[in-house]
Amino acid sequence: MGRILRFEKVRTHRIRQWLKSSDPNFLPKAKRICNLYTNPPKNSVVICVDEKPMQVFERKHPTRVDPRDGSVRYEYEYKRHGTQSLFAAFNVKTGSMFGGVVLHRTADALVSFMNALARRYPKKKIYVVWDNLNTHYDGKGE
C-alpha cells in the first residue's frame, strides 16, 4: 500500500484538516472544553467518552507470513458474525483507559457503562466530554 501511495504522490501525513462549524457559539464552547482539559477543577477527573461500532468477523483462510521478509498477507474473504459496540473512556490527565464491549448500542447500555465509570472515581466530580450522539441526550434541546 505504501508503494502505491508513494507512486501516486499521495502524502497523507501532509494533509491538514480543520473544522468549520455553523454553531455561532462554537468558539466559546471549544474554549470551555480546552480550559477543562488544561485546568481541571480540583478533586475532579476529566474523561473523554466515545463509542465505536465494530464488525465481528473471522477470516475464511489463514493469514500468511512471508518467511523472507516477515510481511503479512490477509485473504480478503471473511465470515461475518454481526456487530458489537465498544465504549471507551479516556482519562485526560493520566492517559488511562476504561472500556467495555456491548452487543447493541442502546441508551441502557450507555447508562450501564457510565455507572461503571462513575464507580471507578467514587470521591471525585467527573466531567465527561463526548459528542452529541442520539443516545447521549433526551432530545429536549441543549
Protein backbone atom coordinates (compact mmCIF):
# COMPACT_ATOMS: atom_id res chain seq x y z
CA MET A 1 0.00 0.00 0.00
CA GLY A 2 2.82 2.41 0.87
CA ARG A 3 4.41 1.92 -2.53
CA ILE A 4 1.13 2.68 -4.28
CA LEU A 5 0.65 5.86 -2.24
CA ARG A 6 4.23 6.99 -2.91
CA PHE A 7 3.90 6.21 -6.63
CA GLU A 8 0.72 8.27 -6.82
CA LYS A 9 2.40 11.01 -4.76
CA VAL A 10 -0.25 10.74 -2.01
CA ARG A 11 1.22 12.08 1.23
CA THR A 12 -1.42 11.51 3.90
CA HIS A 13 0.90 12.81 6.64
CA ARG A 14 0.96 16.18 4.88
CA ILE A 15 -2.82 16.62 4.82
CA ARG A 16 -4.13 19.26 7.21
CA GLN A 17 -7.72 19.42 8.36
CA TRP A 18 -9.91 21.94 10.10
CA LEU A 19 -13.42 22.08 11.49
CA LYS A 20 -15.95 24.53 10.13
CA SER A 21 -18.90 24.77 12.49
CA SER A 22 -22.17 26.55 11.79
CA ASP A 23 -22.80 26.86 15.55
CA PRO A 24 -22.48 30.57 16.47
CA ASN A 25 -21.41 29.51 20.00
CA PHE A 26 -18.75 27.08 18.79
CA LEU A 27 -15.71 29.14 19.85
CA PRO A 28 -16.89 29.76 23.43
CA LYS A 29 -17.83 26.07 23.75
CA ALA A 30 -14.45 24.94 22.39
CA LYS A 31 -12.67 27.34 24.73
CA ARG A 32 -14.57 25.88 27.72
CA ILE A 33 -13.57 22.33 26.74
CA CYS A 34 -9.92 23.26 26.14
CA ASN A 35 -9.83 25.05 29.50
CA LEU A 36 -11.33 21.98 31.16
CA TYR A 37 -8.56 19.83 29.65
CA THR A 38 -5.74 22.15 30.69
CA ASN A 39 -7.11 23.38 34.04
CA PRO A 40 -9.43 20.76 35.51
CA PRO A 41 -11.17 21.75 38.76
CA LYS A 42 -9.68 20.40 42.00
CA ASN A 43 -10.80 16.96 43.13
CA SER A 44 -12.21 16.20 39.68
CA VAL A 45 -11.44 13.98 36.73
CA VAL A 46 -11.95 14.83 33.06
CA ILE A 47 -12.98 11.87 30.93
CA CYS A 48 -13.48 11.69 27.16
CA VAL A 49 -16.06 9.06 26.21
CA ASP A 50 -16.68 7.67 22.75
CA GLU A 51 -18.27 4.71 21.05
CA LYS A 52 -17.16 2.65 18.09
CA PRO A 53 -19.24 0.04 16.29
CA MET A 54 -17.16 -2.97 15.29
CA GLN A 55 -17.73 -5.82 12.89
CA VAL A 56 -17.14 -9.22 14.41
CA PHE A 57 -15.63 -11.39 11.73
CA GLU A 58 -13.44 -14.42 11.19
CA ARG A 59 -11.06 -14.85 8.29
CA LYS A 60 -12.04 -17.69 5.90
CA HIS A 61 -8.42 -18.53 5.12
CA PRO A 62 -5.31 -18.49 7.33
CA THR A 63 -3.08 -15.45 7.48
CA ARG A 64 0.24 -15.96 5.72
CA VAL A 65 3.62 -14.62 6.76
CA ASP A 66 6.36 -14.42 4.14
CA PRO A 67 9.44 -16.10 5.68
CA ARG A 68 11.77 -13.95 3.58
CA ASP A 69 10.78 -10.54 4.94
CA GLY A 70 8.10 -11.17 7.57
CA SER A 71 5.40 -9.38 5.58
CA VAL A 72 1.85 -10.43 6.41
CA ARG A 73 -0.86 -11.26 3.90
CA TYR A 74 -4.56 -11.49 4.71
CA GLU A 75 -7.14 -13.08 2.45
CA TYR A 76 -9.92 -10.55 1.86
CA GLU A 77 -12.80 -13.01 2.42
CA TYR A 78 -14.27 -13.38 5.88
CA LYS A 79 -17.28 -14.77 7.74
CA ARG A 80 -19.34 -12.03 9.38
CA HIS A 81 -20.66 -12.72 12.86
CA GLY A 82 -22.58 -9.47 13.41
CA THR A 83 -21.56 -6.27 15.14
CA GLN A 84 -20.78 -5.10 18.65
CA SER A 85 -20.01 -1.67 20.07
CA LEU A 86 -17.01 -0.58 22.07
CA PHE A 87 -17.48 2.07 24.76
CA ALA A 88 -14.21 3.72 25.77
CA ALA A 89 -13.34 6.33 28.40
CA PHE A 90 -10.02 8.19 28.35
CA ASN A 91 -8.71 9.97 31.45
CA VAL A 92 -7.22 13.20 30.09
CA LYS A 93 -4.79 13.69 32.99
CA THR A 94 -3.40 10.15 33.39
CA GLY A 95 -3.93 8.71 29.93
CA SER A 96 -5.60 5.64 31.43
CA MET A 97 -8.38 3.92 29.56
CA PHE A 98 -11.54 2.13 30.63
CA GLY A 99 -13.68 0.26 28.16
CA GLY A 100 -16.43 -2.22 27.60
CA VAL A 101 -18.00 -4.08 24.70
CA VAL A 102 -21.78 -4.41 24.32
CA LEU A 103 -23.88 -6.33 21.83
CA HIS A 104 -26.10 -3.38 20.97
CA ARG A 105 -25.57 0.38 21.32
CA THR A 106 -28.54 1.44 23.37
CA ALA A 107 -29.25 4.12 25.96
CA ASP A 108 -29.42 1.39 28.63
CA ALA A 109 -26.01 0.03 27.64
CA LEU A 110 -24.57 3.54 27.78
CA VAL A 111 -26.07 4.22 31.21
CA SER A 112 -24.64 0.93 32.49
CA PHE A 113 -21.19 1.86 31.14
CA MET A 114 -21.38 5.34 32.68
CA ASN A 115 -22.38 3.86 36.05
CA ALA A 116 -19.36 1.52 35.91
CA LEU A 117 -17.19 4.53 35.05
CA ALA A 118 -18.59 6.52 38.00
CA ARG A 119 -17.75 3.63 40.37
CA ARG A 120 -14.08 3.98 39.34
CA TYR A 121 -13.99 7.54 40.76
CA PRO A 122 -16.27 7.41 43.84
CA LYS A 123 -14.89 10.53 45.55
CA LYS A 124 -14.34 12.78 42.54
CA LYS A 125 -16.51 15.03 40.46
CA ILE A 126 -16.48 13.64 36.91
CA TYR A 127 -16.54 15.85 33.82
CA VAL A 128 -17.48 13.88 30.71
CA VAL A 129 -16.65 15.17 27.24
CA TRP A 130 -18.39 13.43 24.33
CA ASP A 131 -20.11 14.07 21.03
CA ASN A 132 -23.85 14.60 20.61
CA LEU A 133 -24.80 11.09 19.52
CA ASN A 134 -28.54 10.40 19.86
CA THR A 135 -28.12 8.12 22.91
CA HIS A 136 -26.36 10.93 24.83
CA TYR A 137 -29.34 13.21 25.36
CA ASP A 138 -33.07 13.05 25.85
CA GLY A 139 -33.91 15.13 22.76
CA LYS A 140 -35.36 18.08 24.71
CA GLY A 141 -32.86 20.66 23.46
CA GLU A 142 -29.43 21.70 24.70
